[in-house]
Structure formats: structure tokens, C-alpha cells
Amino acid sequence: MGVSTHDVDAARRAFADPSSDYVAFGPVFDSGTKPGRVARGIDALADVARAKTKPLVAIGGITGERLEAVFDAGADSAAAIGALASGGRLEENARDLLDRARRRAPPGRLYLVGFMGSGKTSIGRRVAERLAVPFVDLDTELERTSGLTVRAFFESAGEPAFRERESAFLDGTEALSDALVSGGGGSFVTERNRRAIARLGSAVFLDVPFERIRERLAGKTDRPLFASVEEAARLFAEREPFYRMAPVRVALTGRESIEESADKVLSAVYDRRELGGPRLG
């Protein structure tokens, strides 16, 4: 139950009222949805925030460009009806507003795990872009530093050497305070790597049905452990129990767009961690 207020004194009374769970204050800026009400401004919002004893929601004329100022003033949440509906681009606007709020409370290091072909690289890169954090692909780093493709490295040095190099790059991500890291399909299988990821951040399992993965990998020749569909199915069955140890699971059909998949990852991460950052309403 919330109480809407329009001046500092009313907000203070609402904070003292035990029947309210949160207090809304505004309009902070001129608002088309609140005609006739004078904008109170950022300074008034900051005055209210200094007196708050429960969550404070800023309302009125809040756009994506104004979110930083609203949150800096002390609001815990922001209602952005006009910004959401602008131009009729509800989905696009919602993503922009949510991502702006999420960037106020970055989730640290996230490690995408899952079977080959589950979309760890493409989805991870997009999530990193939306959070404005670095993206690291362990396979790409191995290829860059060795001068070999993953398949060639496997064939020349063997899987144990590959896993050792992979673990070393995994340890190196500790230098990044926030990052999206994509590991190989077997990176989360070893206990050593699972312990490292648990220490460094959070594992996020991209749970895609094997049938969809099989379709994606049909005709691929760059996967060193994909000798046949039957062999891949066996490997998938062996690895899936380890993937399910990840604290965050994102169920994907495999038919989503990259953007839709990124939406699901971000929702799963922020909903589970219940980060204390600002929210949108």
C-alpha cells in the first residue's frame, strides 16, 4: 500500500504513517499525466529522501535521461509512464529504462555456463553491452594467445592442456570487478572451475533443450567434441547435472531472439540476487 504525496510535509507524514508500505513523491518534473500539478524539482525530492523511513518512489515526468538525477537524489524507485509509452515503443523503452536502472547496481562477475551451442557467446555479449561491462569469451582468449583454433589446440595439446589453460584464464577474470564471462561447454564440469566461479561471482546456466542444440550444431566442424549426434547426446547427458549446480538457471526454448534471451538472463540474475539498486515501476 502506497501513499502519493506532493509536498515535503505530506511526505514526512506519510513516512510516519504505519499503514503505508512506501511513499510516492511528485511530480518531480512537469508531467503530461499529472496536469495542473506544479513540478517539485530534484531539490524537493532530495529533501524528502533525507527524511525517508521506508521506500521512496519518484513520480512525474521521469525519462531515461532523468533517471540518474532521480536516483542520485535518493529515490529508491521511479515510475515512468510517459517514458515507457513514448512513441508506442513499449518493449524498446522498457528495456532501455530497466537497463539504465540495472547499471546502477551491476551484478559483479557473471559466468555463463551450458552446453556447446546454447548461445553463451552471443547472449553473453549482448547482456554485457546492456550492462556496460566487459565481455570475456574464454575460448576466444585461448585462440588469441595460442594462435590456434580451439579444435587445433585440442588436437595438438590434448584436452587436459586445454582445460588447464581455460582455468588460468578463468582465474584472470578476478582482475575485473564486473564482467560477463562465457566459458566452454566443459568449463563448469570440473570441480576446480566450479569452486573458482563460486568464489569470483555467479554461474548462470543457459538451459536449452538438446534437440534445439542439435539443430544448431548440424554441419558444424569446429567443435572438437562433436563427433556425432549420438556422441553429443551422451556428452550432454553427462554434463547437464553439473550445469544444474549453477545458482541461476535460465530456461530457454532456443527459439528466442538474442534480445529476448538477454531479457531472460537479466531478469533471472536481478530477480534472484534482489540487488539493492534502484527499481522502476
Protein backbone atom coordinates (compact mmCIF):
# COMPACT_ATOMS: atom_id res chain seq x y z
CA MET A 1 0.00 0.00 0.00
CA GLY A 2 1.48 3.32 -1.08
CA VAL A 3 0.71 6.95 -0.35
CA SER A 4 1.10 9.62 -3.06
CA THR A 5 2.35 12.98 -1.79
CA HIS A 6 3.05 16.31 -3.42
CA ASP A 7 4.98 18.31 -0.84
CA VAL A 8 7.70 17.65 1.71
CA ASP A 9 5.45 17.92 4.79
CA ALA A 10 2.91 15.47 3.35
CA ALA A 11 5.69 13.04 2.53
CA ARG A 12 7.03 13.21 6.08
CA ARG A 13 3.58 12.48 7.47
CA ALA A 14 3.25 9.53 5.11
CA PHE A 15 6.59 8.12 6.26
CA ALA A 16 5.29 8.25 9.82
CA ASP A 17 2.03 6.52 8.90
CA PRO A 18 2.35 2.81 9.79
CA SER A 19 -0.36 1.85 7.28
CA SER A 20 1.79 2.76 4.24
CA ASP A 21 4.45 0.47 2.79
CA TYR A 22 6.00 3.10 0.54
CA VAL A 23 5.70 6.78 -0.25
CA ALA A 24 5.44 8.30 -3.72
CA PHE A 25 6.50 11.89 -4.26
CA GLY A 26 5.98 14.23 -7.20
CA PRO A 27 5.56 15.33 -9.79
CA VAL A 28 9.31 15.78 -9.76
CA PHE A 29 9.17 17.23 -13.28
CA ASP A 30 6.36 18.59 -15.44
CA SER A 31 4.19 15.63 -16.39
CA GLY A 32 1.55 15.14 -19.04
CA THR A 33 -0.17 12.53 -16.87
CA LYS A 34 -0.47 14.98 -13.95
CA PRO A 35 -1.80 18.19 -15.48
CA GLY A 36 -2.29 21.12 -13.14
CA ARG A 37 0.32 19.97 -10.64
CA VAL A 38 3.46 22.09 -10.30
CA ALA A 39 6.77 20.27 -10.70
CA ARG A 40 8.50 19.96 -7.32
CA GLY A 41 12.02 19.52 -8.65
CA ILE A 42 15.05 17.44 -7.74
CA ASP A 43 15.89 19.50 -4.64
CA ALA A 44 12.49 18.82 -3.10
CA LEU A 45 12.88 15.12 -3.89
CA ALA A 46 16.26 15.15 -2.13
CA ASP A 47 14.66 16.82 0.93
CA VAL A 48 12.05 14.08 1.06
CA ALA A 49 14.71 11.38 0.63
CA ARG A 50 16.63 12.67 3.65
CA ALA A 51 13.52 12.12 5.76
CA LYS A 52 12.55 8.70 4.42
CA THR A 53 11.98 5.75 6.71
CA LYS A 54 10.54 3.49 4.02
CA PRO A 55 10.92 3.13 0.23
CA LEU A 56 10.53 6.33 -1.78
CA VAL A 57 9.08 6.29 -5.30
CA ALA A 58 9.68 9.29 -7.56
CA ILE A 59 6.81 10.12 -9.91
CA GLY A 60 6.10 12.65 -12.64
CA GLY A 61 7.92 13.48 -15.86
CA ILE A 62 10.70 10.94 -15.36
CA THR A 63 12.52 9.94 -18.54
CA GLY A 64 15.52 7.74 -19.15
CA GLU A 65 17.77 10.78 -19.24
CA ARG A 66 16.46 11.92 -15.85
CA LEU A 67 16.80 8.59 -14.04
CA GLU A 68 20.35 9.25 -12.86
CA ALA A 69 19.37 12.52 -11.23
CA VAL A 70 16.30 10.97 -9.59
CA PHE A 71 18.25 8.08 -8.11
CA ASP A 72 21.14 10.34 -7.10
CA ALA A 73 18.60 12.44 -5.17
CA GLY A 74 17.73 9.40 -3.08
CA ALA A 75 14.69 7.80 -4.70
CA ASP A 76 14.54 4.02 -4.38
CA SER A 77 12.24 3.56 -7.36
CA ALA A 78 10.88 5.57 -10.27
CA ALA A 79 7.55 5.45 -12.08
CA ALA A 80 7.96 6.32 -15.75
CA ILE A 81 4.61 6.01 -17.51
CA GLY A 82 5.21 8.62 -20.20
CA ALA A 83 8.73 7.41 -20.94
CA LEU A 84 7.50 3.85 -21.25
CA ALA A 85 4.75 4.74 -23.70
CA SER A 86 6.81 7.23 -25.74
CA GLY A 87 6.47 6.66 -29.47
CA GLY A 88 4.49 3.49 -28.88
CA ARG A 89 7.75 1.56 -28.47
CA LEU A 90 6.81 -0.13 -25.21
CA GLU A 91 9.22 -3.06 -25.42
CA GLU A 92 12.20 -0.98 -26.55
CA ASN A 93 11.53 1.71 -23.95
CA ALA A 94 11.10 -0.85 -21.17
CA ARG A 95 14.49 -2.39 -21.98
CA ASP A 96 16.19 0.99 -22.01
CA LEU A 97 14.68 2.09 -18.70
CA LEU A 98 15.37 -1.21 -16.96
CA ASP A 99 18.95 -1.34 -18.22
CA ARG A 100 19.61 2.19 -17.02
CA ALA A 101 18.37 1.21 -13.55
CA ARG A 102 20.30 -2.08 -13.58
CA ARG A 103 23.55 -0.33 -14.42
CA ARG A 104 23.20 1.49 -11.10
CA ALA A 105 23.72 -1.86 -9.34
CA PRO A 106 25.95 -4.07 -11.52
CA PRO A 107 25.82 -7.77 -10.58
CA GLY A 108 29.57 -8.34 -10.35
CA ARG A 109 31.04 -11.18 -12.40
CA LEU A 110 28.59 -13.45 -14.20
CA TYR A 111 29.76 -16.72 -15.75
CA LEU A 112 27.52 -18.19 -18.44
CA VAL A 113 27.65 -21.98 -18.47
CA GLY A 114 25.92 -24.54 -20.63
CA PHE A 115 26.41 -26.96 -23.49
CA MET A 116 28.02 -26.03 -26.78
CA GLY A 117 25.55 -24.21 -28.98
CA SER A 118 23.48 -22.87 -26.08
CA GLY A 119 24.28 -19.25 -27.03
CA LYS A 120 26.76 -18.35 -24.29
CA THR A 121 28.85 -16.10 -26.53
CA SER A 122 26.10 -14.29 -28.43
CA ILE A 123 23.82 -13.85 -25.42
CA GLY A 124 26.71 -13.00 -23.09
CA ARG A 125 27.99 -10.31 -25.43
CA ARG A 126 24.54 -8.68 -25.60
CA VAL A 127 24.00 -8.81 -21.83
CA ALA A 128 27.42 -7.23 -21.33
CA GLU A 129 26.55 -4.44 -23.77
CA ARG A 130 23.29 -3.73 -21.96
CA LEU A 131 25.00 -3.60 -18.57
CA ALA A 132 28.01 -1.68 -19.97
CA VAL A 133 30.50 -4.19 -18.51
CA PRO A 134 33.39 -6.08 -20.19
CA PHE A 135 32.68 -9.32 -22.05
CA VAL A 136 35.21 -12.16 -21.93
CA ASP A 137 35.00 -15.33 -24.01
CA LEU A 138 37.42 -17.93 -22.67
CA ASP A 139 37.64 -19.78 -25.99
CA THR A 140 38.42 -16.55 -27.84
CA GLU A 141 41.15 -15.69 -25.33
CA LEU A 142 42.72 -19.10 -25.79
CA GLU A 143 42.70 -18.71 -29.56
CA ARG A 144 44.11 -15.20 -29.33
CA THR A 145 47.01 -16.16 -27.07
CA SER A 146 47.85 -19.53 -28.64
CA GLY A 147 47.38 -18.64 -32.29
CA LEU A 148 45.35 -21.84 -32.70
CA THR A 149 41.66 -22.54 -33.04
CA VAL A 150 40.05 -24.41 -30.15
CA ARG A 151 39.86 -27.53 -32.32
CA ALA A 152 43.53 -27.27 -33.35
CA PHE A 153 44.57 -26.72 -29.73
CA PHE A 154 42.61 -29.79 -28.67
CA GLU A 155 44.22 -31.89 -31.41
CA SER A 156 47.78 -30.68 -30.78
CA ALA A 157 47.90 -30.37 -26.99
CA GLY A 158 45.00 -32.54 -25.79
CA GLU A 159 42.03 -31.80 -23.58
CA PRO A 160 43.97 -31.69 -20.24
CA ALA A 161 46.18 -28.88 -21.55
CA PHE A 162 43.13 -27.09 -22.89
CA ARG A 163 41.37 -27.29 -19.51
CA GLU A 164 44.47 -26.04 -17.72
CA ARG A 165 44.69 -23.01 -20.00
CA GLU A 166 40.95 -22.43 -19.62
CA SER A 167 41.26 -22.44 -15.83
CA ALA A 168 44.12 -19.95 -15.97
CA PHE A 169 42.01 -17.52 -17.99
CA LEU A 170 39.13 -18.08 -15.59
CA ASP A 171 41.35 -17.08 -12.66
CA GLY A 172 42.39 -13.99 -14.59
CA THR A 173 38.85 -12.63 -14.62
CA GLU A 174 39.32 -11.72 -10.96
CA ALA A 175 41.00 -8.54 -12.25
CA LEU A 176 37.58 -7.35 -13.47
CA SER A 177 35.16 -6.07 -10.86
CA ASP A 178 32.18 -6.56 -13.19
CA ALA A 179 32.10 -8.75 -16.27
CA LEU A 180 30.16 -11.24 -18.37
CA VAL A 181 32.27 -14.34 -18.94
CA SER A 182 31.45 -17.09 -21.42
CA GLY A 183 33.10 -20.44 -20.73
CA GLY A 184 33.46 -23.52 -22.87
CA GLY A 185 30.89 -26.29 -22.67
CA GLY A 186 33.10 -28.28 -20.30
CA SER A 187 34.39 -25.43 -18.15
CA PHE A 188 31.81 -25.92 -15.39
CA VAL A 189 32.25 -29.69 -15.25
CA THR A 190 35.49 -29.62 -13.28
CA GLU A 191 35.20 -29.06 -9.54
CA ARG A 192 38.20 -26.74 -9.62
CA ASN A 193 36.42 -24.36 -12.00
CA ARG A 194 33.11 -24.54 -10.15
CA ARG A 195 34.86 -23.54 -6.94
CA ALA A 196 36.65 -20.69 -8.71
CA ILE A 197 33.42 -19.35 -10.21
CA ALA A 198 31.64 -19.59 -6.85
CA ARG A 199 34.46 -17.55 -5.33
CA LEU A 200 34.60 -14.99 -8.12
CA GLY A 201 30.93 -14.45 -8.92
CA SER A 202 27.79 -16.28 -10.02
CA ALA A 203 27.28 -19.04 -12.57
CA VAL A 204 24.29 -18.68 -14.89
CA PHE A 205 23.11 -21.83 -16.66
CA LEU A 206 21.62 -21.32 -20.13
CA ASP A 207 19.26 -24.28 -20.19
CA VAL A 208 18.46 -25.02 -23.85
CA PRO A 209 16.85 -28.34 -24.92
CA PHE A 210 19.25 -30.74 -26.61
CA GLU A 211 17.05 -31.04 -29.69
CA ARG A 212 17.45 -27.34 -30.35
CA ILE A 213 21.20 -27.54 -29.76
CA ARG A 214 21.41 -30.46 -32.17
CA GLU A 215 19.71 -28.36 -34.85
CA ARG A 216 22.15 -25.50 -34.27
CA LEU A 217 25.23 -27.72 -34.45
CA ALA A 218 24.20 -29.67 -37.54
CA GLY A 219 27.03 -29.48 -40.07
CA LYS A 220 29.44 -27.72 -37.68
CA THR A 221 33.07 -28.84 -37.90
CA ASP A 222 34.70 -26.51 -35.37
CA ARG A 223 33.52 -28.32 -32.23
CA PRO A 224 36.25 -30.73 -31.08
CA LEU A 225 33.92 -32.95 -29.04
CA PHE A 226 31.02 -33.04 -31.50
CA ALA A 227 31.97 -36.17 -33.42
CA SER A 228 28.37 -37.28 -33.95
CA VAL A 229 24.85 -36.57 -32.75
CA GLU A 230 24.98 -39.68 -30.59
CA GLU A 231 28.28 -38.64 -29.01
CA ALA A 232 26.96 -35.13 -28.37
CA ALA A 233 23.81 -36.52 -26.75
CA ARG A 234 25.91 -38.69 -24.45
CA LEU A 235 28.12 -35.73 -23.54
CA PHE A 236 25.09 -33.53 -22.93
CA ALA A 237 23.62 -36.12 -20.55
CA GLU A 238 26.93 -36.34 -18.68
CA ARG A 239 27.35 -32.59 -18.29
CA GLU A 240 23.79 -31.46 -17.58
CA PRO A 241 23.87 -32.43 -13.86
CA PHE A 242 26.91 -30.19 -13.41
CA TYR A 243 25.26 -27.27 -15.22
CA ARG A 244 22.29 -27.59 -12.87
CA MET A 245 24.59 -26.84 -9.95
CA ALA A 246 24.68 -23.22 -11.12
CA PRO A 247 22.78 -20.95 -8.70
CA VAL A 248 20.97 -19.17 -11.55
CA ARG A 249 19.10 -21.12 -14.23
CA VAL A 250 17.64 -19.50 -17.34
CA ALA A 251 15.19 -21.73 -19.20
CA LEU A 252 15.34 -21.02 -22.94
CA THR A 253 13.44 -22.68 -25.77
CA GLY A 254 16.23 -21.86 -28.17
CA ARG A 255 13.78 -20.00 -30.41
CA GLU A 256 14.13 -16.64 -28.69
CA SER A 257 15.95 -13.75 -30.30
CA ILE A 258 19.26 -12.66 -28.78
CA GLU A 259 17.47 -9.68 -27.22
CA GLU A 260 14.74 -11.85 -25.72
CA SER A 261 17.34 -14.26 -24.36
CA ALA A 262 19.25 -11.35 -22.82
CA ASP A 263 15.99 -10.17 -21.22
CA LYS A 264 15.56 -13.56 -19.56
CA VAL A 265 19.15 -13.65 -18.30
CA LEU A 266 18.92 -10.16 -16.82
CA SER A 267 15.57 -10.87 -15.18
CA ALA A 268 16.83 -14.13 -13.68
CA VAL A 269 20.00 -12.56 -12.32
CA TYR A 270 18.41 -9.47 -10.80
CA ASP A 271 15.31 -11.22 -9.50
CA ARG A 272 17.35 -13.87 -7.72
CA ARG A 273 20.00 -11.63 -6.28
CA GLU A 274 17.46 -8.99 -5.19
CA LEU A 275 20.06 -6.31 -5.67
CA GLY A 276 19.57 -3.23 -3.55
CA GLY A 277 19.75 -0.90 -6.52
CA PRO A 278 17.02 1.41 -7.81
CA ARG A 279 13.92 -0.01 -9.43
CA LEU A 280 11.35 1.05 -11.96
CA GLY A 281 7.60 0.89 -11.58
